[in-house]
């Protein structure tokens, strides 16, 4: 079982990540704007009243709607969505159903989605992540100076 403290620790570990004051949400600056990558789910409890924070669920940005569908299909006990997120690349995550090990790559990918393209390569990865070596074709190796 993961907690908001786990989410805070993981999300805050990325370069440029900031917690939104007064709200459980994390953002990173990109092109002069703060871009959210993890936030508390604001649940519609009563159709005629404002949404309320559900501390047991977070919304996590994903790269695409295809990624969203793959995550949702992987485990319906951990991940879900609602009509408010239809057509938006984010999944809802039940903290009591996931482990910290589940959260780390999910939040890392969310940060990568929103971090600026010009960020240093090491800062666009999860802390401690190993980058796969690029494959270089034989013809490209021969052209090296």
N, C-alpha and C. Protein backbone atom coordinates (compact mmCIF):
# COMPACT_ATOMS: atom_id res chain seq x y z
N UNK A 1 0.84 -1.18 0.00
CA UNK A 1 0.00 0.00 0.00
C UNK A 1 0.89 1.24 0.00
N UNK A 2 0.61 2.16 -0.92
CA UNK A 2 1.35 3.42 -1.00
C UNK A 2 0.56 4.52 -0.30
N UNK A 3 1.25 5.58 0.03
CA UNK A 3 0.63 6.70 0.72
C UNK A 3 0.92 8.01 0.00
N UNK A 4 0.24 9.07 0.42
CA UNK A 4 0.55 10.38 -0.14
C UNK A 4 1.99 10.78 0.17
N UNK A 5 2.50 10.36 1.31
CA UNK A 5 3.90 10.65 1.65
C UNK A 5 4.84 10.01 0.63
N UNK A 6 4.52 8.80 0.17
CA UNK A 6 5.32 8.14 -0.87
C UNK A 6 5.26 8.92 -2.18
N UNK A 7 4.06 9.35 -2.53
CA UNK A 7 3.88 10.13 -3.76
C UNK A 7 4.69 11.42 -3.66
N UNK A 8 4.61 12.10 -2.54
CA UNK A 8 5.35 13.35 -2.33
C UNK A 8 6.85 13.12 -2.47
N UNK A 9 7.36 12.07 -1.83
CA UNK A 9 8.80 11.78 -1.88
C UNK A 9 9.25 11.48 -3.30
N UNK A 10 8.50 10.68 -4.03
CA UNK A 10 8.87 10.32 -5.39
C UNK A 10 8.77 11.54 -6.32
N UNK A 11 7.65 12.21 -6.30
CA UNK A 11 7.43 13.34 -7.21
C UNK A 11 8.41 14.47 -6.95
N UNK A 12 8.74 14.72 -5.69
CA UNK A 12 9.66 15.81 -5.34
C UNK A 12 11.10 15.50 -5.70
N UNK A 13 11.40 14.24 -6.00
CA UNK A 13 12.78 13.85 -6.31
C UNK A 13 13.22 14.26 -7.71
N UNK A 14 12.29 14.68 -8.56
CA UNK A 14 12.63 15.02 -9.93
C UNK A 14 13.05 16.48 -10.06
N UNK A 15 14.03 16.76 -10.90
CA UNK A 15 14.49 18.14 -11.08
C UNK A 15 13.36 19.07 -11.50
N UNK A 16 13.26 20.19 -10.83
CA UNK A 16 12.26 21.20 -11.16
C UNK A 16 10.87 20.93 -10.63
N UNK A 17 10.65 19.77 -10.01
CA UNK A 17 9.31 19.44 -9.50
C UNK A 17 9.01 20.30 -8.28
N UNK A 18 7.79 20.83 -8.26
CA UNK A 18 7.34 21.67 -7.16
C UNK A 18 5.95 21.20 -6.73
N UNK A 19 5.72 21.22 -5.42
CA UNK A 19 4.37 20.92 -4.92
C UNK A 19 3.56 22.21 -4.98
N UNK A 20 2.35 22.12 -5.49
CA UNK A 20 1.47 23.28 -5.59
C UNK A 20 1.06 23.71 -4.19
N UNK A 21 1.27 24.98 -3.84
CA UNK A 21 0.87 25.43 -2.51
C UNK A 21 -0.63 25.26 -2.26
N UNK A 22 -0.97 24.72 -1.09
CA UNK A 22 -2.37 24.58 -0.70
C UNK A 22 -3.12 23.44 -1.37
N UNK A 23 -2.40 22.59 -2.10
CA UNK A 23 -3.07 21.51 -2.82
C UNK A 23 -2.09 20.35 -2.99
N UNK A 24 -2.57 19.14 -2.95
CA UNK A 24 -1.68 18.00 -3.16
C UNK A 24 -1.55 17.77 -4.66
N UNK A 25 -0.59 18.47 -5.26
CA UNK A 25 -0.34 18.36 -6.70
C UNK A 25 1.12 18.72 -6.96
N UNK A 26 1.68 18.17 -8.03
CA UNK A 26 3.08 18.40 -8.36
C UNK A 26 3.19 18.85 -9.81
N UNK A 27 4.05 19.84 -10.02
CA UNK A 27 4.20 20.45 -11.33
C UNK A 27 5.68 20.63 -11.65
N UNK A 28 5.94 20.89 -12.93
CA UNK A 28 7.28 21.22 -13.39
C UNK A 28 7.13 22.35 -14.41
N UNK A 29 8.09 23.28 -14.42
CA UNK A 29 8.05 24.40 -15.36
C UNK A 29 8.45 23.93 -16.75
N UNK A 30 7.62 24.29 -17.73
CA UNK A 30 7.90 23.94 -19.12
C UNK A 30 7.38 25.09 -19.99
N UNK A 31 8.30 25.71 -20.75
CA UNK A 31 7.95 26.83 -21.64
C UNK A 31 7.24 27.96 -20.89
N UNK A 32 7.72 28.27 -19.70
CA UNK A 32 7.18 29.37 -18.93
C UNK A 32 5.88 29.09 -18.20
N UNK A 33 5.40 27.85 -18.25
CA UNK A 33 4.16 27.49 -17.55
C UNK A 33 4.40 26.28 -16.66
N UNK A 34 3.69 26.26 -15.55
CA UNK A 34 3.76 25.10 -14.68
C UNK A 34 2.84 24.01 -15.25
N UNK A 35 3.39 22.82 -15.42
CA UNK A 35 2.65 21.69 -15.99
C UNK A 35 2.52 20.59 -14.95
N UNK A 36 1.28 20.24 -14.62
CA UNK A 36 1.02 19.22 -13.61
C UNK A 36 1.29 17.82 -14.12
N UNK A 37 1.90 17.00 -13.24
CA UNK A 37 2.13 15.60 -13.63
C UNK A 37 1.53 14.61 -12.62
N UNK A 38 1.25 15.03 -11.40
CA UNK A 38 0.57 14.19 -10.40
C UNK A 38 -0.27 15.12 -9.53
N UNK A 39 -1.52 14.71 -9.23
CA UNK A 39 -2.38 15.52 -8.37
C UNK A 39 -3.42 14.64 -7.70
N UNK A 40 -3.99 15.15 -6.62
CA UNK A 40 -5.04 14.42 -5.92
C UNK A 40 -6.31 14.43 -6.78
N UNK A 41 -7.06 13.34 -6.74
CA UNK A 41 -8.29 13.26 -7.52
C UNK A 41 -9.37 14.08 -6.84
N UNK A 42 -9.98 14.93 -7.59
CA UNK A 42 -11.12 15.72 -7.11
C UNK A 42 -12.37 14.96 -7.55
N UNK A 43 -13.00 14.30 -6.61
CA UNK A 43 -14.13 13.42 -6.88
C UNK A 43 -15.45 14.18 -6.86
N UNK A 44 -16.33 13.83 -7.78
CA UNK A 44 -17.68 14.39 -7.80
C UNK A 44 -18.54 13.50 -6.92
N UNK A 45 -18.73 13.90 -5.67
CA UNK A 45 -19.52 13.12 -4.71
C UNK A 45 -20.99 13.40 -4.91
N UNK A 46 -21.33 14.67 -5.07
CA UNK A 46 -22.71 15.09 -5.26
C UNK A 46 -22.77 15.89 -6.56
N UNK A 47 -23.64 15.49 -7.52
CA UNK A 47 -23.68 16.16 -8.82
C UNK A 47 -23.94 17.67 -8.75
N UNK A 48 -24.55 18.13 -7.71
CA UNK A 48 -24.89 19.56 -7.62
C UNK A 48 -23.93 20.35 -6.74
N UNK A 49 -22.86 19.70 -6.30
CA UNK A 49 -21.89 20.36 -5.42
C UNK A 49 -20.50 20.28 -6.04
N UNK A 50 -19.58 21.12 -5.56
CA UNK A 50 -18.20 21.08 -6.08
C UNK A 50 -17.53 19.74 -5.79
N UNK A 51 -16.55 19.42 -6.60
CA UNK A 51 -15.75 18.21 -6.39
C UNK A 51 -14.98 18.34 -5.08
N UNK A 52 -14.67 17.20 -4.47
CA UNK A 52 -13.91 17.19 -3.22
C UNK A 52 -12.68 16.29 -3.38
N UNK A 53 -11.61 16.65 -2.70
CA UNK A 53 -10.38 15.87 -2.77
C UNK A 53 -10.58 14.49 -2.15
N UNK A 54 -10.15 13.47 -2.87
CA UNK A 54 -10.17 12.10 -2.37
C UNK A 54 -8.70 11.73 -2.12
N UNK A 55 -8.27 11.78 -0.86
CA UNK A 55 -6.87 11.58 -0.51
C UNK A 55 -6.36 10.18 -0.85
N UNK A 56 -7.23 9.24 -1.11
CA UNK A 56 -6.83 7.88 -1.42
C UNK A 56 -6.59 7.62 -2.89
N UNK A 57 -6.76 8.64 -3.73
CA UNK A 57 -6.61 8.46 -5.18
C UNK A 57 -5.82 9.64 -5.75
N UNK A 58 -4.87 9.32 -6.64
CA UNK A 58 -4.15 10.36 -7.35
C UNK A 58 -4.41 10.23 -8.84
N UNK A 59 -4.30 11.34 -9.54
CA UNK A 59 -4.34 11.35 -11.00
C UNK A 59 -2.90 11.49 -11.47
N UNK A 60 -2.53 10.71 -12.46
CA UNK A 60 -1.16 10.70 -12.97
C UNK A 60 -1.19 10.89 -14.48
N UNK A 61 -0.45 11.86 -14.96
CA UNK A 61 -0.37 12.15 -16.38
C UNK A 61 0.32 10.99 -17.10
N UNK A 62 -0.15 10.64 -18.28
CA UNK A 62 0.49 9.62 -19.12
C UNK A 62 0.80 10.23 -20.48
N UNK A 63 1.63 9.55 -21.25
CA UNK A 63 2.12 10.10 -22.51
C UNK A 63 1.04 10.21 -23.59
N UNK A 64 0.11 9.27 -23.60
CA UNK A 64 -0.89 9.26 -24.67
C UNK A 64 -2.13 8.51 -24.23
N UNK A 65 -3.17 8.63 -25.03
CA UNK A 65 -4.40 7.88 -24.74
C UNK A 65 -4.18 6.38 -24.93
N UNK A 66 -3.25 6.00 -25.79
CA UNK A 66 -2.92 4.58 -25.96
C UNK A 66 -2.28 4.06 -24.68
N UNK A 67 -1.34 4.83 -24.13
CA UNK A 67 -0.72 4.44 -22.86
C UNK A 67 -1.77 4.35 -21.75
N UNK A 68 -2.68 5.30 -21.75
CA UNK A 68 -3.76 5.29 -20.76
C UNK A 68 -4.55 3.98 -20.85
N UNK A 69 -4.95 3.61 -22.07
CA UNK A 69 -5.71 2.37 -22.26
C UNK A 69 -4.93 1.14 -21.81
N UNK A 70 -3.62 1.12 -22.08
CA UNK A 70 -2.79 -0.02 -21.68
C UNK A 70 -2.70 -0.13 -20.16
N UNK A 71 -2.53 1.00 -19.50
CA UNK A 71 -2.45 1.00 -18.03
C UNK A 71 -3.78 0.58 -17.43
N UNK A 72 -4.87 1.13 -17.95
CA UNK A 72 -6.20 0.78 -17.43
C UNK A 72 -6.49 -0.71 -17.62
N UNK A 73 -6.06 -1.27 -18.73
CA UNK A 73 -6.30 -2.69 -19.00
C UNK A 73 -5.41 -3.60 -18.16
N UNK A 74 -4.30 -3.07 -17.65
CA UNK A 74 -3.35 -3.91 -16.91
C UNK A 74 -3.87 -4.34 -15.54
N UNK A 75 -4.65 -3.50 -14.86
CA UNK A 75 -5.13 -3.87 -13.52
C UNK A 75 -6.23 -2.90 -13.09
N UNK A 76 -7.47 -3.33 -13.18
CA UNK A 76 -8.60 -2.45 -12.85
C UNK A 76 -8.75 -2.19 -11.36
N UNK A 77 -8.08 -2.97 -10.52
CA UNK A 77 -8.12 -2.70 -9.08
C UNK A 77 -7.21 -1.53 -8.71
N UNK A 78 -6.14 -1.36 -9.46
CA UNK A 78 -5.18 -0.29 -9.19
C UNK A 78 -5.52 0.99 -9.94
N UNK A 79 -5.91 0.84 -11.20
CA UNK A 79 -6.06 1.99 -12.10
C UNK A 79 -7.48 2.08 -12.64
N UNK A 80 -7.99 3.30 -12.74
CA UNK A 80 -9.33 3.50 -13.29
C UNK A 80 -9.42 4.90 -13.88
N UNK A 81 -10.57 5.22 -14.41
CA UNK A 81 -10.82 6.55 -14.95
C UNK A 81 -12.27 6.90 -14.66
N UNK A 82 -12.66 8.08 -15.06
CA UNK A 82 -14.04 8.53 -14.91
C UNK A 82 -14.36 9.42 -16.11
N UNK A 83 -15.63 9.74 -16.35
CA UNK A 83 -16.00 10.55 -17.51
C UNK A 83 -15.27 11.90 -17.59
N UNK A 84 -14.95 12.50 -16.46
CA UNK A 84 -14.24 13.78 -16.45
C UNK A 84 -12.90 13.69 -17.18
N UNK A 85 -12.26 12.51 -17.17
CA UNK A 85 -10.95 12.32 -17.80
C UNK A 85 -11.05 11.70 -19.20
N UNK A 86 -12.25 11.59 -19.75
CA UNK A 86 -12.42 11.05 -21.10
C UNK A 86 -11.65 11.92 -22.10
N UNK A 87 -10.81 11.29 -22.90
CA UNK A 87 -10.05 12.02 -23.90
C UNK A 87 -8.85 12.78 -23.35
N UNK A 88 -8.55 12.61 -22.07
CA UNK A 88 -7.41 13.30 -21.44
C UNK A 88 -6.40 12.25 -21.00
N UNK A 89 -5.11 12.44 -21.30
CA UNK A 89 -4.11 11.43 -20.98
C UNK A 89 -3.69 11.42 -19.51
N UNK A 90 -4.53 10.85 -18.68
CA UNK A 90 -4.23 10.67 -17.26
C UNK A 90 -5.01 9.48 -16.75
N UNK A 91 -4.44 8.78 -15.76
CA UNK A 91 -5.13 7.68 -15.12
C UNK A 91 -5.30 7.99 -13.65
N UNK A 92 -6.31 7.41 -13.04
CA UNK A 92 -6.54 7.54 -11.62
C UNK A 92 -5.98 6.29 -10.95
N UNK A 93 -5.29 6.50 -9.82
CA UNK A 93 -4.57 5.42 -9.15
C UNK A 93 -5.03 5.32 -7.70
N UNK A 94 -5.50 4.13 -7.32
CA UNK A 94 -5.92 3.88 -5.93
C UNK A 94 -4.67 3.59 -5.10
N UNK A 95 -4.33 4.49 -4.18
CA UNK A 95 -3.10 4.34 -3.40
C UNK A 95 -3.10 3.08 -2.54
N UNK A 96 -4.27 2.67 -2.04
CA UNK A 96 -4.31 1.47 -1.20
C UNK A 96 -4.14 0.18 -2.01
N UNK A 97 -4.14 0.28 -3.33
CA UNK A 97 -4.00 -0.91 -4.18
C UNK A 97 -2.64 -1.01 -4.85
N UNK A 98 -1.82 0.05 -4.77
CA UNK A 98 -0.52 0.03 -5.43
C UNK A 98 0.60 0.01 -4.40
N UNK A 99 1.77 -0.39 -4.86
CA UNK A 99 2.97 -0.37 -4.02
C UNK A 99 3.83 0.81 -4.45
N UNK A 100 4.82 1.11 -3.65
CA UNK A 100 5.77 2.16 -4.01
C UNK A 100 6.48 1.76 -5.32
N UNK A 101 6.76 0.48 -5.47
CA UNK A 101 7.39 -0.01 -6.71
C UNK A 101 6.50 0.25 -7.93
N UNK A 102 5.18 0.20 -7.77
CA UNK A 102 4.26 0.53 -8.87
C UNK A 102 4.31 2.01 -9.18
N UNK A 103 4.40 2.83 -8.13
CA UNK A 103 4.34 4.28 -8.30
C UNK A 103 5.57 4.88 -8.95
N UNK A 104 6.75 4.37 -8.62
CA UNK A 104 7.99 4.99 -9.10
C UNK A 104 8.04 5.15 -10.61
N UNK A 105 7.85 4.10 -11.40
CA UNK A 105 7.90 4.29 -12.86
C UNK A 105 6.73 5.09 -13.40
N UNK A 106 5.58 4.97 -12.77
CA UNK A 106 4.40 5.71 -13.21
C UNK A 106 4.62 7.22 -13.05
N UNK A 107 5.12 7.62 -11.89
CA UNK A 107 5.37 9.04 -11.64
C UNK A 107 6.56 9.53 -12.46
N UNK A 108 7.57 8.69 -12.64
CA UNK A 108 8.71 9.07 -13.48
C UNK A 108 8.26 9.35 -14.90
N UNK A 109 7.42 8.49 -15.45
CA UNK A 109 6.91 8.70 -16.80
C UNK A 109 6.04 9.95 -16.87
N UNK A 110 5.26 10.20 -15.82
CA UNK A 110 4.42 11.40 -15.78
C UNK A 110 5.29 12.65 -15.81
N UNK A 111 6.36 12.65 -15.03
CA UNK A 111 7.28 13.79 -15.00
C UNK A 111 7.91 14.00 -16.37
N UNK A 112 8.35 12.88 -17.01
CA UNK A 112 8.96 12.97 -18.34
C UNK A 112 8.00 13.59 -19.36
N UNK A 113 6.71 13.29 -19.23
CA UNK A 113 5.71 13.84 -20.15
C UNK A 113 5.66 15.37 -20.08
N UNK A 114 5.88 15.91 -18.90
CA UNK A 114 5.68 17.34 -18.69
C UNK A 114 6.98 18.13 -18.57
N UNK A 115 8.10 17.48 -18.36
CA UNK A 115 9.39 18.18 -18.22
C UNK A 115 9.78 18.78 -19.57
N UNK A 116 10.52 19.89 -19.55
CA UNK A 116 10.91 20.53 -20.81
C UNK A 116 11.82 19.64 -21.64
N UNK A 117 11.67 19.73 -22.95
CA UNK A 117 12.47 18.92 -23.87
C UNK A 117 13.95 19.23 -23.74
N UNK A 118 14.30 20.46 -23.38
CA UNK A 118 15.69 20.85 -23.28
C UNK A 118 16.33 20.51 -21.95
N UNK A 119 15.62 19.80 -21.08
CA UNK A 119 16.19 19.43 -19.78
C UNK A 119 17.37 18.51 -19.99
N UNK A 120 18.38 18.61 -19.11
CA UNK A 120 19.53 17.69 -19.25
C UNK A 120 19.06 16.25 -19.27
N UNK A 121 19.72 15.41 -20.04
CA UNK A 121 19.28 14.03 -20.19
C UNK A 121 19.13 13.31 -18.87
N UNK A 122 20.06 13.50 -17.95
CA UNK A 122 19.94 12.79 -16.68
C UNK A 122 18.73 13.24 -15.90
N UNK A 123 18.26 14.47 -16.10
CA UNK A 123 17.10 14.92 -15.34
C UNK A 123 15.78 14.48 -15.98
N UNK A 124 15.83 13.89 -17.16
CA UNK A 124 14.61 13.43 -17.79
C UNK A 124 14.38 11.95 -17.51
N UNK A 125 15.13 11.40 -16.57
CA UNK A 125 14.98 10.00 -16.19
C UNK A 125 14.62 9.91 -14.72
N UNK A 126 14.11 8.76 -14.35
CA UNK A 126 13.87 8.53 -12.93
C UNK A 126 15.22 8.49 -12.23
N UNK A 127 15.31 9.02 -11.02
CA UNK A 127 16.58 8.96 -10.30
C UNK A 127 17.06 7.52 -10.20
N UNK A 128 18.31 7.30 -10.56
CA UNK A 128 18.89 5.97 -10.48
C UNK A 128 18.57 5.08 -11.67
N UNK A 129 17.78 5.57 -12.63
CA UNK A 129 17.42 4.75 -13.79
C UNK A 129 18.62 4.59 -14.71
N UNK A 130 18.75 3.43 -15.32
CA UNK A 130 19.82 3.20 -16.28
C UNK A 130 19.27 3.38 -17.67
N UNK A 131 20.00 4.14 -18.48
CA UNK A 131 19.60 4.35 -19.87
C UNK A 131 20.12 3.20 -20.72
N UNK A 132 19.29 2.68 -21.62
CA UNK A 132 19.80 1.65 -22.51
C UNK A 132 20.79 2.27 -23.48
N UNK A 133 21.82 1.51 -23.84
CA UNK A 133 22.81 2.02 -24.79
C UNK A 133 22.19 2.08 -26.17
N UNK A 134 22.51 3.15 -26.89
CA UNK A 134 22.00 3.30 -28.25
C UNK A 134 22.74 2.33 -29.16
N UNK A 135 22.01 1.73 -30.06
CA UNK A 135 22.63 0.83 -31.04
C UNK A 135 23.12 1.68 -32.20
N UNK A 136 24.34 1.41 -32.62
CA UNK A 136 24.94 2.15 -33.72
C UNK A 136 25.17 1.15 -34.85
N UNK A 137 24.68 1.51 -36.04
CA UNK A 137 24.84 0.61 -37.17
C UNK A 137 26.31 0.55 -37.60
N UNK A 138 26.69 -0.52 -38.31
CA UNK A 138 28.07 -0.67 -38.77
C UNK A 138 28.46 0.48 -39.68
N UNK A 139 27.55 0.94 -40.53
CA UNK A 139 27.87 2.04 -41.44
C UNK A 139 28.08 3.34 -40.67
N UNK A 140 27.35 3.54 -39.62
CA UNK A 140 27.53 4.75 -38.80
C UNK A 140 28.84 4.70 -38.04
N UNK A 141 29.24 3.48 -37.59
CA UNK A 141 30.51 3.36 -36.87
C UNK A 141 31.67 3.71 -37.79
N UNK A 142 31.57 3.35 -39.05
CA UNK A 142 32.63 3.64 -40.01
C UNK A 142 32.78 5.12 -40.32
N UNK A 143 31.72 5.91 -40.08
CA UNK A 143 31.76 7.34 -40.39
C UNK A 143 32.29 8.17 -39.21
N UNK A 144 32.49 7.55 -38.07
CA UNK A 144 32.97 8.31 -36.92
C UNK A 144 34.37 8.85 -37.21
N UNK A 145 34.60 10.06 -36.72
CA UNK A 145 35.86 10.73 -37.02
C UNK A 145 36.83 10.52 -36.00
